[in-house]
């Protein structure tokens, strides 16, 4: 299937769908630049920012949105694992502070979409490049603990996106019968690549986050929509 233009009407998921795997920041949660703010604090606090020309570190974090944050910092630290781990801890601390300040907000209508998917009998899983402590802080701050069947970070599965591990683990955790019964939804090229590498039946790009239509199309999204609220469960 080739990427389509944003539909004027909501898109009904295939009847075969059993599991919807959703990225968090930029997909169900508004990013509003918070990842970049937390990254800047961590990079400046640990000295990583000084290893690249001005502006390049920030561009790199934009380009790698959706990937494991420890992997991003390891690349920026030229393989210095200790430095990368310190930077990652600073990033998680900074993002947690932003969550605590009430700066993390849901995509408008995302909660209703999650409820509709669950009421239709579909399993829902969140995947993210954040550490588990940050992921859980976001879910709890939004009061969404009862709306998801699984929430996974790279630390839970071995490899972050664009590897397929997060999606395949979500499939196993929820008892989904086959990979082609999985719909993957995300705002970055790494979400799209991970979906295809996992063999998902449908890979959806959303325009509510980090990457634009051209990037999502280039990565091979089957469908591109404005945001997650465009997606309806089967039979609606």
Protein backbone atom coordinates (compact mmCIF):
# COMPACT_ATOMS: atom_id res chain seq x y z
CA UNK A 1 0.00 0.00 0.00
CA UNK A 2 1.29 3.50 -0.76
CA UNK A 3 0.91 6.50 1.50
CA UNK A 4 -2.28 8.41 0.83
CA UNK A 5 -3.09 12.02 1.39
CA UNK A 6 -4.68 12.95 4.70
CA UNK A 7 -8.26 11.73 4.51
CA UNK A 8 -11.05 14.28 4.92
CA UNK A 9 -12.98 11.69 6.92
CA UNK A 10 -11.86 9.37 9.72
CA UNK A 11 -10.15 6.14 8.66
CA UNK A 12 -11.63 2.85 9.83
CA UNK A 13 -9.02 0.28 10.82
CA UNK A 14 -9.09 -3.11 9.06
CA UNK A 15 -11.47 -5.75 10.42
CA UNK A 16 -8.46 -7.98 11.10
CA UNK A 17 -6.95 -5.51 13.61
CA UNK A 18 -6.41 -6.90 17.11
CA UNK A 19 -3.71 -4.60 18.49
CA UNK A 20 -2.90 -0.93 18.00
CA UNK A 21 0.66 0.04 18.94
CA UNK A 22 1.01 3.77 19.52
CA UNK A 23 4.09 5.90 19.99
CA UNK A 24 3.75 8.43 22.82
CA UNK A 25 5.38 11.88 22.36
CA UNK A 26 4.07 13.44 19.18
CA UNK A 27 1.44 10.75 18.62
CA UNK A 28 -0.83 10.61 21.68
CA UNK A 29 1.02 13.23 23.74
CA UNK A 30 1.80 16.75 22.52
CA UNK A 31 5.53 17.23 22.28
CA UNK A 32 5.62 21.06 22.16
CA UNK A 33 9.41 20.93 22.01
CA UNK A 34 9.77 19.37 25.48
CA UNK A 35 12.09 16.63 24.23
CA UNK A 36 14.39 19.27 22.77
CA UNK A 37 14.28 21.32 25.99
CA UNK A 38 15.17 18.28 28.11
CA UNK A 39 17.85 17.27 25.64
CA UNK A 40 19.42 20.75 25.69
CA UNK A 41 19.58 20.72 29.48
CA UNK A 42 21.22 17.29 29.48
CA UNK A 43 23.66 18.13 26.69
CA UNK A 44 24.76 21.36 28.30
CA UNK A 45 25.01 19.82 31.75
CA UNK A 46 27.27 17.00 30.61
CA UNK A 47 29.29 18.77 27.94
CA UNK A 48 27.96 16.78 24.99
CA UNK A 49 26.65 19.98 23.42
CA UNK A 50 30.22 21.20 22.98
CA UNK A 51 31.23 18.17 20.89
CA UNK A 52 29.27 19.33 17.86
CA UNK A 53 29.00 22.66 16.05
CA UNK A 54 26.24 24.91 17.35
CA UNK A 55 22.83 23.64 16.28
CA UNK A 56 23.94 20.24 15.05
CA UNK A 57 23.18 18.41 18.29
CA UNK A 58 19.63 19.77 18.33
CA UNK A 59 19.13 18.82 14.67
CA UNK A 60 20.37 15.33 15.43
CA UNK A 61 17.85 14.88 18.24
CA UNK A 62 15.07 16.04 15.89
CA UNK A 63 16.18 13.61 13.22
CA UNK A 64 16.32 10.72 15.72
CA UNK A 65 12.98 11.39 17.42
CA UNK A 66 11.36 8.10 18.39
CA UNK A 67 14.64 6.27 18.90
CA UNK A 68 16.05 5.12 22.22
CA UNK A 69 17.44 8.17 24.00
CA UNK A 70 20.44 6.29 25.39
CA UNK A 71 21.35 5.25 21.83
CA UNK A 72 21.12 8.87 20.68
CA UNK A 73 23.38 10.07 23.49
CA UNK A 74 25.85 7.25 22.87
CA UNK A 75 26.18 8.38 19.25
CA UNK A 76 26.66 12.00 20.27
CA UNK A 77 29.22 10.97 22.89
CA UNK A 78 31.30 9.13 20.25
CA UNK A 79 30.73 5.82 21.99
CA UNK A 80 31.64 7.06 25.49
CA UNK A 81 29.14 4.90 27.38
CA UNK A 82 29.70 6.55 30.77
CA UNK A 83 29.12 10.02 29.32
CA UNK A 84 26.06 8.82 27.42
CA UNK A 85 24.57 7.28 30.55
CA UNK A 86 25.12 10.49 32.52
CA UNK A 87 23.51 12.51 29.74
CA UNK A 88 20.58 10.12 29.56
CA UNK A 89 20.01 10.38 33.31
CA UNK A 90 20.08 14.17 33.03
CA UNK A 91 17.61 14.00 30.15
CA UNK A 92 15.20 11.80 32.07
CA UNK A 93 15.50 14.07 35.12
CA UNK A 94 14.82 17.18 33.04
CA UNK A 95 11.84 15.62 31.26
CA UNK A 96 10.41 14.39 34.57
CA UNK A 97 10.61 17.95 35.87
CA UNK A 98 8.66 19.15 32.84
CA UNK A 99 6.04 16.46 33.46
CA UNK A 100 5.84 17.56 37.10
CA UNK A 101 5.30 21.15 35.99
CA UNK A 102 2.22 20.05 34.07
CA UNK A 103 3.73 20.81 30.67
CA UNK A 104 2.90 17.41 29.17
CA UNK A 105 -0.51 17.48 27.50
CA UNK A 106 -2.42 14.93 25.43
CA UNK A 107 -3.21 15.32 21.75
CA UNK A 108 -6.73 16.75 21.76
CA UNK A 109 -9.17 13.86 21.48
CA UNK A 110 -6.54 11.15 22.01
CA UNK A 111 -8.16 9.91 25.21
CA UNK A 112 -11.50 9.42 23.44
CA UNK A 113 -9.72 7.51 20.67
CA UNK A 114 -8.06 5.19 23.18
CA UNK A 115 -11.38 4.55 24.88
CA UNK A 116 -13.07 3.81 21.54
CA UNK A 117 -10.36 1.32 20.57
CA UNK A 118 -10.59 -0.48 23.90
CA UNK A 119 -14.40 -0.55 23.86
CA UNK A 120 -14.25 -2.16 20.41
CA UNK A 121 -12.23 -5.01 21.88
CA UNK A 122 -8.83 -3.99 20.53
CA UNK A 123 -5.69 -4.15 22.62
CA UNK A 124 -3.72 -0.91 22.95
CA UNK A 125 0.01 -0.62 23.62
CA UNK A 126 2.27 2.39 24.07
CA UNK A 127 5.87 2.31 22.91
CA UNK A 128 8.49 5.00 23.48
CA UNK A 129 12.17 5.83 23.44
CA UNK A 130 11.90 7.13 27.02
CA UNK A 131 13.10 5.18 30.05
CA UNK A 132 10.36 3.32 31.97
CA UNK A 133 10.33 5.87 34.82
CA UNK A 134 9.64 8.75 32.42
CA UNK A 135 7.11 6.75 30.40
CA UNK A 136 5.19 5.84 33.55
CA UNK A 137 5.29 9.41 34.86
CA UNK A 138 3.65 10.62 31.65
CA UNK A 139 0.96 7.92 31.72
CA UNK A 140 0.17 8.60 35.37
CA UNK A 141 0.15 12.39 34.89
CA UNK A 142 -2.48 11.96 32.16
CA UNK A 143 -4.47 9.38 34.12
CA UNK A 144 -4.21 6.84 31.31
CA UNK A 145 -3.05 3.80 33.27
CA UNK A 146 -6.35 1.97 32.68
CA UNK A 147 -6.45 2.77 28.96
CA UNK A 148 -3.48 0.67 27.82
CA UNK A 149 -2.75 -3.05 27.90
CA UNK A 150 1.03 -2.62 27.71
CA UNK A 151 3.57 0.22 27.85
CA UNK A 152 7.09 -0.55 26.70
CA UNK A 153 10.50 1.14 26.57
CA UNK A 154 13.76 -0.06 25.02
CA UNK A 155 14.93 -1.13 28.48
CA UNK A 156 12.06 -3.64 28.56
CA UNK A 157 12.79 -5.33 25.25
CA UNK A 158 16.46 -5.03 24.30
CA UNK A 159 16.49 -2.65 21.33
CA UNK A 160 14.69 0.57 20.59
CA UNK A 161 13.24 1.72 17.29
CA UNK A 162 13.74 1.33 14.37
CA UNK A 163 14.30 -2.29 15.49
CA UNK A 164 11.01 -4.24 15.70
CA UNK A 165 11.48 -5.39 19.32
CA UNK A 166 8.99 -3.01 20.97
CA UNK A 167 6.20 -3.96 18.59
CA UNK A 168 6.85 -7.70 18.70
CA UNK A 169 6.99 -7.62 22.50
CA UNK A 170 3.68 -5.75 22.58
CA UNK A 171 2.22 -8.47 20.36
CA UNK A 172 3.38 -11.18 22.76
CA UNK A 173 2.32 -9.30 25.90
CA UNK A 174 -1.21 -8.82 24.58
CA UNK A 175 -1.65 -12.27 23.08
CA UNK A 176 -2.23 -10.91 19.58
CA UNK A 177 -2.50 -13.83 17.16
CA UNK A 178 -0.41 -12.55 14.23
CA UNK A 179 1.77 -9.63 13.22
CA UNK A 180 -0.55 -8.69 10.37
CA UNK A 181 -3.25 -8.09 13.00
CA UNK A 182 -1.15 -5.19 14.38
CA UNK A 183 -1.55 -1.54 13.42
CA UNK A 184 1.42 0.68 14.27
CA UNK A 185 0.95 4.44 14.67
CA UNK A 186 3.69 7.03 15.09
CA UNK A 187 4.97 10.48 14.14
CA UNK A 188 8.55 9.59 13.17
CA UNK A 189 10.38 7.69 10.49
CA UNK A 190 11.71 5.29 13.12
CA UNK A 191 8.12 4.40 14.08
CA UNK A 192 7.35 3.64 10.45
CA UNK A 193 10.51 1.60 9.91
CA UNK A 194 9.93 -0.38 13.09
CA UNK A 195 6.37 -1.16 12.01
CA UNK A 196 7.49 -2.55 8.67
CA UNK A 197 10.38 -4.49 10.18
CA UNK A 198 7.93 -6.11 12.60
CA UNK A 199 5.62 -7.08 9.72
CA UNK A 200 2.65 -5.03 10.96
CA UNK A 201 -0.47 -5.21 8.84
CA UNK A 202 -0.84 -1.42 8.74
CA UNK A 203 1.72 1.30 9.51
CA UNK A 204 0.25 4.78 10.02
CA UNK A 205 2.16 8.05 10.15
CA UNK A 206 0.64 11.02 11.97
CA UNK A 207 1.44 14.67 11.29
CA UNK A 208 1.06 15.80 14.91
CA UNK A 209 4.71 15.36 15.88
CA UNK A 210 8.32 15.47 14.79
CA UNK A 211 8.42 14.45 11.13
CA UNK A 212 6.55 15.82 8.13
CA UNK A 213 4.62 14.09 5.37
CA UNK A 214 7.62 13.83 3.04
CA UNK A 215 9.72 12.08 5.69
CA UNK A 216 6.93 9.67 6.63
CA UNK A 217 6.23 8.87 2.99
CA UNK A 218 9.92 8.28 2.35
CA UNK A 219 10.01 5.84 5.27
CA UNK A 220 7.12 3.91 3.71
CA UNK A 221 4.03 4.77 5.78
CA UNK A 222 0.98 2.93 4.45
CA UNK A 223 -1.29 5.79 5.48
CA UNK A 224 -0.69 9.34 6.72
CA UNK A 225 -3.31 11.20 8.76
CA UNK A 226 -3.44 14.48 10.64
CA UNK A 227 -3.46 12.87 14.07
CA UNK A 228 -4.52 9.78 16.00
CA UNK A 229 -8.13 10.95 16.30
CA UNK A 230 -8.61 10.16 12.59
CA UNK A 231 -8.41 6.44 13.38
CA UNK A 232 -11.58 4.53 14.22
CA UNK A 233 -11.91 0.90 15.30
CA UNK A 234 -13.34 -1.60 12.83
CA UNK A 235 -17.08 -1.51 12.32
CA UNK A 236 -17.58 2.14 13.18
